[in-house]
PDB file of N, CA and C in Angstrom:
ATOM      1  N   MET A   1      94.695  29.050 152.555  1.00  0.00           N
ATOM      2  CA  MET A   1      95.814  28.693 153.372  1.00  0.00           C
ATOM      3  C   MET A   1      95.300  27.971 154.624  1.00  0.00           C
ATOM      4  N   GLU A   2      95.903  26.862 154.979  1.00  0.00           N
ATOM      5  CA  GLU A   2      95.495  26.075 156.133  1.00  0.00           C
ATOM      6  C   GLU A   2      96.082  26.668 157.413  1.00  0.00           C
ATOM      7  N   PRO A   3      95.341  26.547 158.539  1.00  0.00           N
ATOM      8  CA  PRO A   3      95.886  27.059 159.804  1.00  0.00           C
ATOM      9  C   PRO A   3      97.099  26.250 160.222  1.00  0.00           C
ATOM     10  N   ALA A   4      98.009  26.901 160.913  1.00  0.00           N
ATOM     11  CA  ALA A   4      99.215  26.223 161.393  1.00  0.00           C
ATOM     12  C   ALA A   4      98.838  25.205 162.456  1.00  0.00           C
ATOM     13  N   LEU A   5      99.456  24.054 162.400  1.00  0.00           N
ATOM     14  CA  LEU A   5      99.222  23.007 163.390  1.00  0.00           C
ATOM     15  C   LEU A   5     100.251  23.128 164.497  1.00  0.00           C
ATOM     16  N   PRO A   6      99.880  22.784 165.738  1.00  0.00           N
ATOM     17  CA  PRO A   6     100.873  22.845 166.819  1.00  0.00           C
ATOM     18  C   PRO A   6     101.968  21.820 166.584  1.00  0.00           C
ATOM     19  N   LEU A   7     103.144  22.132 167.053  1.00  0.00           N
ATOM     20  CA  LEU A   7     104.255  21.199 166.923  1.00  0.00           C
ATOM     21  C   LEU A   7     104.008  19.972 167.784  1.00  0.00           C
ATOM     22  N   PRO A   8     104.410  18.791 167.302  1.00  0.00           N
ATOM     23  CA  PRO A   8     104.243  17.595 168.126  1.00  0.00           C
ATOM     24  C   PRO A   8     104.971  17.762 169.454  1.00  0.00           C
ATOM     25  N   GLY A   9     104.303  17.391 170.535  1.00  0.00           N
ATOM     26  CA  GLY A   9     104.907  17.493 171.855  1.00  0.00           C
ATOM     27  C   GLY A   9     104.788  18.869 172.489  1.00  0.00           C
ATOM     28  N   ALA A  10     104.269  19.862 171.749  1.00  0.00           N
ATOM     29  CA  ALA A  10     104.122  21.203 172.318  1.00  0.00           C
ATOM     30  C   ALA A  10     102.956  21.204 173.306  1.00  0.00           C
ATOM     31  N   ALA A  11     103.169  21.832 174.426  1.00  0.00           N
ATOM     32  CA  ALA A  11     102.129  21.890 175.451  1.00  0.00           C
ATOM     33  C   ALA A  11     101.092  22.940 175.090  1.00  0.00           C
ATOM     34  N   ALA A  12      99.856  22.660 175.438  1.00  0.00           N
ATOM     35  CA  ALA A  12      98.786  23.637 175.250  1.00  0.00           C
ATOM     36  C   ALA A  12      98.994  24.751 176.271  1.00  0.00           C
ATOM     37  N   PRO A  13      98.542  25.964 175.968  1.00  0.00           N
ATOM     38  CA  PRO A  13      98.693  27.046 176.946  1.00  0.00           C
ATOM     39  C   PRO A  13      98.002  26.690 178.257  1.00  0.00           C
ATOM     40  N   VAL A  14      98.655  26.985 179.362  1.00  0.00           N
ATOM     41  CA  VAL A  14      98.120  26.667 180.677  1.00  0.00           C
ATOM     42  C   VAL A  14      97.571  27.948 181.296  1.00  0.00           C
ATOM     43  N   PRO A  15      96.288  27.937 181.692  1.00  0.00           N
ATOM     44  CA  PRO A  15      95.749  29.142 182.322  1.00  0.00           C
ATOM     45  C   PRO A  15      96.437  29.388 183.666  1.00  0.00           C
ATOM     46  N   SER A  16      96.555  30.643 184.054  1.00  0.00           N
ATOM     47  CA  SER A  16      97.168  30.953 185.341  1.00  0.00           C
ATOM     48  C   SER A  16      96.222  30.536 186.459  1.00  0.00           C
ATOM     49  N   LEU A  17      96.772  30.376 187.640  1.00  0.00           N
ATOM     50  CA  LEU A  17      95.957  30.006 188.799  1.00  0.00           C
ATOM     51  C   LEU A  17      94.914  31.087 189.064  1.00  0.00           C
ATOM     52  N   THR A  18      95.306  32.342 188.908  1.00  0.00           N
ATOM     53  CA  THR A  18      94.358  33.448 189.100  1.00  0.00           C
ATOM     54  C   THR A  18      93.201  33.330 188.121  1.00  0.00           C
ATOM     55  N   ASP A  19      93.484  33.008 186.860  1.00  0.00           N
ATOM     56  CA  ASP A  19      92.425  32.846 185.863  1.00  0.00           C
ATOM     57  C   ASP A  19      91.489  31.701 186.238  1.00  0.00           C
ATOM     58  N   GLU A  20      92.061  30.608 186.730  1.00  0.00           N
ATOM     59  CA  GLU A  20      91.231  29.463 187.123  1.00  0.00           C
ATOM     60  C   GLU A  20      90.336  29.813 188.311  1.00  0.00           C
ATOM     61  N   LEU A  21      90.905  30.479 189.316  1.00  0.00           N
ATOM     62  CA  LEU A  21      90.116  30.879 190.477  1.00  0.00           C
ATOM     63  C   LEU A  21      89.030  31.875 190.080  1.00  0.00           C
ATOM     64  N   ALA A  22      89.359  32.822 189.205  1.00  0.00           N
ATOM     65  CA  ALA A  22      88.382  33.808 188.740  1.00  0.00           C
ATOM     66  C   ALA A  22      87.220  33.121 188.029  1.00  0.00           C
ATOM     67  N   ALA A  23      87.525  32.107 187.237  1.00  0.00           N
ATOM     68  CA  ALA A  23      86.480  31.395 186.504  1.00  0.00           C
ATOM     69  C   ALA A  23      85.588  30.592 187.454  1.00  0.00           C
ATOM     70  N   VAL A  24      86.183  29.911 188.415  1.00  0.00           N
ATOM     71  CA  VAL A  24      85.408  29.078 189.338  1.00  0.00           C
ATOM     72  C   VAL A  24      84.502  29.931 190.226  1.00  0.00           C
ATOM     73  N   TRP A  25      85.037  31.029 190.781  1.00  0.00           N
ATOM     74  CA  TRP A  25      84.255  31.858 191.701  1.00  0.00           C
ATOM     75  C   TRP A  25      83.514  32.992 190.990  1.00  0.00           C
ATOM     76  N   GLY A  26      83.738  33.181 189.705  1.00  0.00           N
ATOM     77  CA  GLY A  26      83.024  34.221 188.962  1.00  0.00           C
ATOM     78  C   GLY A  26      83.364  35.632 189.420  1.00  0.00           C
ATOM     79  N   LEU A  27      84.647  35.855 189.744  1.00  0.00           N
ATOM     80  CA  LEU A  27      85.093  37.157 190.224  1.00  0.00           C
ATOM     81  C   LEU A  27      86.181  37.722 189.313  1.00  0.00           C
ATOM     82  N   PRO A  28      86.284  39.057 189.230  1.00  0.00           N
ATOM     83  CA  PRO A  28      87.293  39.684 188.368  1.00  0.00           C
ATOM     84  C   PRO A  28      88.644  39.825 189.077  1.00  0.00           C
ATOM     85  N   LEU A  29      89.262  38.711 189.432  1.00  0.00           N
ATOM     86  CA  LEU A  29      90.538  38.737 190.145  1.00  0.00           C
ATOM     87  C   LEU A  29      91.616  39.405 189.302  1.00  0.00           C
ATOM     88  N   GLY A  30      92.429  40.223 189.959  1.00  0.00           N
ATOM     89  CA  GLY A  30      93.515  40.905 189.272  1.00  0.00           C
ATOM     90  C   GLY A  30      93.096  42.194 188.581  1.00  0.00           C
ATOM     91  N   ARG A  31      91.827  42.554 188.681  1.00  0.00           N
ATOM     92  CA  ARG A  31      91.329  43.775 188.037  1.00  0.00           C
ATOM     93  C   ARG A  31      90.957  44.797 189.101  1.00  0.00           C
ATOM     94  N   LYS A  32      90.942  46.069 188.696  1.00  0.00           N
ATOM     95  CA  LYS A  32      90.523  47.131 189.607  1.00  0.00           C
ATOM     96  C   LYS A  32      89.001  47.125 189.671  1.00  0.00           C
ATOM     97  N   VAL A  33      88.491  47.047 190.908  1.00  0.00           N
ATOM     98  CA  VAL A  33      87.051  46.915 191.108  1.00  0.00           C
ATOM     99  C   VAL A  33      86.571  47.834 192.230  1.00  0.00           C
ATOM    100  N   ARG A  34      85.282  48.001 192.286  1.00  0.00           N
ATOM    101  CA  ARG A  34      84.580  48.612 193.422  1.00  0.00           C
ATOM    102  C   ARG A  34      83.751  47.477 194.006  1.00  0.00           C
ATOM    103  N   VAL A  35      83.942  47.184 195.308  1.00  0.00           N
ATOM    104  CA  VAL A  35      83.267  46.072 195.966  1.00  0.00           C
ATOM    105  C   VAL A  35      82.439  46.596 197.133  1.00  0.00           C
ATOM    106  N   GLU A  36      81.210  46.134 197.203  1.00  0.00           N
ATOM    107  CA  GLU A  36      80.349  46.407 198.357  1.00  0.00           C
ATOM    108  C   GLU A  36      80.323  45.139 199.205  1.00  0.00           C
ATOM    109  N   LEU A  37      80.607  45.305 200.510  1.00  0.00           N
ATOM    110  CA  LEU A  37      80.696  44.156 201.412  1.00  0.00           C
ATOM    111  C   LEU A  37      79.565  44.170 202.427  1.00  0.00           C
ATOM    112  N   ARG A  38      79.200  42.965 202.870  1.00  0.00           N
ATOM    113  CA  ARG A  38      78.242  42.812 203.960  1.00  0.00           C
ATOM    114  C   ARG A  38      78.949  42.086 205.103  1.00  0.00           C
ATOM    115  N   HIS A  39      78.498  42.357 206.338  1.00  0.00           N
ATOM    116  CA  HIS A  39      79.057  41.717 207.540  1.00  0.00           C
ATOM    117  C   HIS A  39      80.573  41.947 207.648  1.00  0.00           C
ATOM    118  N   HIS A  40      81.006  43.194 207.402  1.00  0.00           N
ATOM    119  CA  HIS A  40      82.416  43.563 207.490  1.00  0.00           C
ATOM    120  C   HIS A  40      82.486  44.972 208.056  1.00  0.00           C
ATOM    121  N   THR A  41      83.584  45.304 208.705  1.00  0.00           N
ATOM    122  CA  THR A  41      83.729  46.655 209.260  1.00  0.00           C
ATOM    123  C   THR A  41      83.847  47.710 208.166  1.00  0.00           C
ATOM    124  N   VAL A  42      84.312  47.311 206.990  1.00  0.00           N
ATOM    125  CA  VAL A  42      84.393  48.198 205.831  1.00  0.00           C
ATOM    126  C   VAL A  42      83.274  47.792 204.875  1.00  0.00           C
ATOM    127  N   THR A  43      82.450  48.741 204.462  1.00  0.00           N
ATOM    128  CA  THR A  43      81.318  48.373 203.599  1.00  0.00           C
ATOM    129  C   THR A  43      81.624  48.498 202.112  1.00  0.00           C
ATOM    130  N   GLY A  44      82.575  49.357 201.749  1.00  0.00           N
ATOM    131  CA  GLY A  44      82.909  49.523 200.339  1.00  0.00           C
ATOM    132  C   GLY A  44      84.393  49.732 200.149  1.00  0.00           C
ATOM    133  N   LEU A  45      84.937  49.115 199.110  1.00  0.00           N
ATOM    134  CA  LEU A  45      86.362  49.205 198.804  1.00  0.00           C
ATOM    135  C   LEU A  45      86.557  49.393 197.314  1.00  0.00           C
ATOM    136  N   SER A  46      87.648  50.057 196.959  1.00  0.00           N
ATOM    137  CA  SER A  46      88.066  50.146 195.558  1.00  0.00           C
ATOM    138  C   SER A  46      89.533  49.770 195.475  1.00  0.00           C
ATOM    139  N   GLY A  47      89.895  49.044 194.441  1.00  0.00           N
ATOM    140  CA  GLY A  47      91.286  48.656 194.235  1.00  0.00           C
ATOM    141  C   GLY A  47      91.362  47.342 193.489  1.00  0.00           C
ATOM    142  N   LYS A  48      92.567  46.819 193.412  1.00  0.00           N
ATOM    143  CA  LYS A  48      92.799  45.568 192.693  1.00  0.00           C
ATOM    144  C   LYS A  48      92.382  44.389 193.561  1.00  0.00           C
ATOM    145  N   LEU A  49      91.494  43.554 193.039  1.00  0.00           N
ATOM    146  CA  LEU A  49      90.987  42.386 193.755  1.00  0.00           C
ATOM    147  C   LEU A  49      91.983  41.241 193.645  1.00  0.00           C
ATOM    148  N   ARG A  50      92.441  40.776 194.800  1.00  0.00           N
ATOM    149  CA  ARG A  50      93.458  39.712 194.843  1.00  0.00           C
ATOM    150  C   ARG A  50      93.020  38.577 195.765  1.00  0.00           C
ATOM    151  N   VAL A  51      93.628  37.423 195.568  1.00  0.00           N
ATOM    152  CA  VAL A  51      93.393  36.264 196.434  1.00  0.00           C
ATOM    153  C   VAL A  51      94.270  36.419 197.667  1.00  0.00           C
ATOM    154  N   ALA A  52      93.688  36.257 198.860  1.00  0.00           N
ATOM    155  CA  ALA A  52      94.436  36.381 200.110  1.00  0.00           C
ATOM    156  C   ALA A  52      94.927  35.032 200.626  1.00  0.00           C
ATOM    157  N   GLY A  53      94.341  33.963 200.131  1.00  0.00           N
ATOM    158  CA  GLY A  53      94.747  32.624 200.552  1.00  0.00           C
ATOM    159  C   GLY A  53      94.228  31.593 199.569  1.00  0.00           C
ATOM    160  N   LEU A  54      95.040  30.611 199.284  1.00  0.00           N
ATOM    161  CA  LEU A  54      94.645  29.593 198.312  1.00  0.00           C
ATOM    162  C   LEU A  54      93.619  28.631 198.910  1.00  0.00           C
ATOM    163  N   PRO A  55      92.600  28.300 198.140  1.00  0.00           N
ATOM    164  CA  PRO A  55      91.587  27.354 198.615  1.00  0.00           C
ATOM    165  C   PRO A  55      92.092  25.918 198.511  1.00  0.00           C
ATOM    166  N   ASP A  56      91.388  25.028 199.186  1.00  0.00           N
ATOM    167  CA  ASP A  56      91.712  23.602 199.099  1.00  0.00           C
ATOM    168  C   ASP A  56      91.365  23.077 197.713  1.00  0.00           C
ATOM    169  N   LEU A  57      92.039  21.996 197.349  1.00  0.00           N
ATOM    170  CA  LEU A  57      91.733  21.297 196.097  1.00  0.00           C
ATOM    171  C   LEU A  57      90.814  20.133 196.406  1.00  0.00           C
ATOM    172  N   PRO A  58      89.933  19.746 195.548  1.00  0.00           N
ATOM    173  CA  PRO A  58      89.571  20.435 194.310  1.00  0.00           C
ATOM    174  C   PRO A  58      88.792  21.711 194.634  1.00  0.00           C
ATOM    175  N   PHE A  59      88.850  22.678 193.723  1.00  0.00           N
ATOM    176  CA  PHE A  59      88.156  23.945 193.919  1.00  0.00           C
ATOM    177  C   PHE A  59      86.658  23.706 194.023  1.00  0.00           C
ATOM    178  N   ASP A  60      86.050  24.377 194.992  1.00  0.00           N
ATOM    179  CA  ASP A  60      84.613  24.273 195.221  1.00  0.00           C
ATOM    180  C   ASP A  60      84.054  25.676 195.278  1.00  0.00           C
ATOM    181  N   ARG A  61      83.302  26.063 194.258  1.00  0.00           N
ATOM    182  CA  ARG A  61      82.808  27.439 194.179  1.00  0.00           C
ATOM    183  C   ARG A  61      81.848  27.781 195.315  1.00  0.00           C
ATOM    184  N   LEU A  62      81.348  26.782 196.019  1.00  0.00           N
ATOM    185  CA  LEU A  62      80.467  27.042 197.153  1.00  0.00           C
ATOM    186  C   LEU A  62      81.244  27.332 198.434  1.00  0.00           C
ATOM    187  N   ALA A  63      82.524  27.000 198.445  1.00  0.00           N
ATOM    188  CA  ALA A  63      83.370  27.298 199.601  1.00  0.00           C
ATOM    189  C   ALA A  63      83.810  28.761 199.526  1.00  0.00           C
ATOM    190  N   PRO A  64      84.020  29.408 200.671  1.00  0.00           N
ATOM    191  CA  PRO A  64      84.466  30.800 200.630  1.00  0.00           C
ATOM    192  C   PRO A  64      85.898  30.911 200.123  1.00  0.00           C
ATOM    193  N   LEU A  65      86.147  31.948 199.347  1.00  0.00           N
ATOM    194  CA  LEU A  65      87.487  32.253 198.848  1.00  0.00           C
ATOM    195  C   LEU A  65      87.978  33.477 199.606  1.00  0.00           C
ATOM    196  N   ARG A  66      89.176  33.406 200.180  1.00  0.00           N
ATOM    197  CA  ARG A  66      89.743  34.546 200.902  1.00  0.00           C
ATOM    198  C   ARG A  66      90.265  35.557 199.896  1.00  0.00           C
ATOM    199  N   LEU A  67      89.788  36.789 200.010  1.00  0.00           N
ATOM    200  CA  LEU A  67      90.132  37.864 199.081  1.00  0.00           C
ATOM    201  C   LEU A  67      90.715  39.048 199.831  1.00  0.00           C
ATOM    202  N   ARG A  68      91.305  39.976 199.074  1.00  0.00           N
ATOM    203  CA  ARG A  68      91.771  41.220 199.673  1.00  0.00           C
ATOM    204  C   ARG A  68      91.831  42.316 198.617  1.00  0.00           C
ATOM    205  N   ILE A  69      91.667  43.519 199.096  1.00  0.00           N
ATOM    206  CA  ILE A  69      91.943  44.722 198.319  1.00  0.00           C
ATOM    207  C   ILE A  69      92.831  45.554 199.226  1.00  0.00           C
ATOM    208  N   GLY A  70      94.043  45.812 198.783  1.00  0.00           N
ATOM    209  CA  GLY A  70      95.015  46.466 199.659  1.00  0.00           C
ATOM    210  C   GLY A  70      95.287  45.577 200.848  1.00  0.00           C
ATOM    211  N   ASP A  71      95.170  46.135 202.056  1.00  0.00           N
ATOM    212  CA  ASP A  71      95.408  45.370 203.277  1.00  0.00           C
ATOM    213  C   ASP A  71      94.131  44.820 203.900  1.00  0.00           C
ATOM    214  N   VAL A  72      92.995  45.067 203.274  1.00  0.00           N
ATOM    215  CA  VAL A  72      91.708  44.646 203.832  1.00  0.00           C
ATOM    216  C   VAL A  72      91.344  43.266 203.281  1.00  0.00           C
ATOM    217  N   GLU A  73      91.191  42.298 204.189  1.00  0.00           N
ATOM    218  CA  GLU A  73      90.813  40.941 203.795  1.00  0.00           C
ATOM    219  C   GLU A  73      89.330  40.713 204.053  1.00  0.00           C
ATOM    220  N   PHE A  74      88.739  39.888 203.202  1.00  0.00           N
ATOM    221  CA  PHE A  74      87.334  39.540 203.325  1.00  0.00           C
ATOM    222  C   PHE A  74      87.092  38.237 202.574  1.00  0.00           C
ATOM    223  N   SER A  75      85.916  37.693 202.730  1.00  0.00           N
ATOM    224  CA  SER A  75      85.547  36.426 202.107  1.00  0.00           C
ATOM    225  C   SER A  75      84.684  36.687 200.865  1.00  0.00           C
ATOM    226  N   SER A  76      84.730  35.773 199.937  1.00  0.00           N
ATOM    227  CA  SER A  76      83.869  35.881 198.752  1.00  0.00           C
ATOM    228  C   SER A  76      82.398  35.895 199.163  1.00  0.00           C
ATOM    229  N   ARG A  77      82.081  35.292 200.300  1.00  0.00           N
ATOM    230  CA  ARG A  77      80.692  35.284 200.783  1.00  0.00           C
ATOM    231  C   ARG A  77      80.241  36.656 201.280  1.00  0.00           C
ATOM    232  N   GLN A  78      81.192  37.531 201.582  1.00  0.00           N
ATOM    233  CA  GLN A  78      80.862  38.871 202.060  1.00  0.00           C
ATOM    234  C   GLN A  78      80.631  39.856 200.915  1.00  0.00           C
ATOM    235  N   VAL A  79      80.922  39.460 199.698  1.00  0.00           N
ATOM    236  CA  VAL A  79      80.764  40.362 198.554  1.00  0.00           C
ATOM    237  C   VAL A  79      79.283  40.446 198.203  1.00  0.00           C
ATOM    238  N   ALA A  80      78.712  41.628 198.405  1.00  0.00           N
ATOM    239  CA  ALA A  80      77.306  41.860 198.065  1.00  0.00           C
ATOM    240  C   ALA A  80      77.169  42.260 196.601  1.00  0.00           C
ATOM    241  N   ALA A  81      78.147  43.042 196.112  1.00  0.00           N
ATOM    242  CA  ALA A  81      78.128  43.502 194.723  1.00  0.00           C
ATOM    243  C   ALA A  81      79.533  43.947 194.339  1.00  0.00           C
ATOM    244  N   TRP A  82      79.843  43.871 193.049  1.00  0.00           N
ATOM    245  CA  TRP A  82      81.126  44.362 192.563  1.00  0.00           C
ATOM    246  C   TRP A  82      80.958  44.917 191.157  1.00  0.00           C
ATOM    247  N   SER A  83      81.846  45.814 190.795  1.00  0.00           N
ATOM    248  CA  SER A  83      81.886  46.336 189.426  1.00  0.00           C
ATOM    249  C   SER A  83      83.338  46.627 189.063  1.00  0.00           C
ATOM    250  N   VAL A  84      83.665  46.336 187.826  1.00  0.00           N
ATOM    251  CA  VAL A  84      85.018  46.603 187.323  1.00  0.00           C
ATOM    252  C   VAL A  84      85.106  48.077 186.996  1.00  0.00           C
ATOM    253  N   VAL A  85      86.203  48.718 187.411  1.00  0.00           N
ATOM    254  CA  VAL A  85      86.352  50.160 187.176  1.00  0.00           C
ATOM    255  C   VAL A  85      87.574  50.492 186.313  1.00  0.00           C
ATOM    256  N   ASP A  86      88.275  49.508 185.785  1.00  0.00           N
ATOM    257  CA  ASP A  86      89.458  49.838 184.965  1.00  0.00           C
ATOM    258  C   ASP A  86      89.167  49.883 183.516  1.00  0.00           C
TER     259      ASP A  86
END
């Protein structure tokens, strides 16, 4: 049996913005994590990792990405280590 072909004019699935940002910065955005931070008043956090502010286009993985867990904001450059806990 041959695989089904997409319908003419059907759009390819579009990745979410969160998925694109996660891929560019190599972070588990939207997942529950344990994060160790450097140069921050809080050294360790647990919770869902979210984007706190959208970066400029085009995405540049060398630029800092504003992140947050709960109400605590930090930069991707402050992340010393992370692990997924979900």
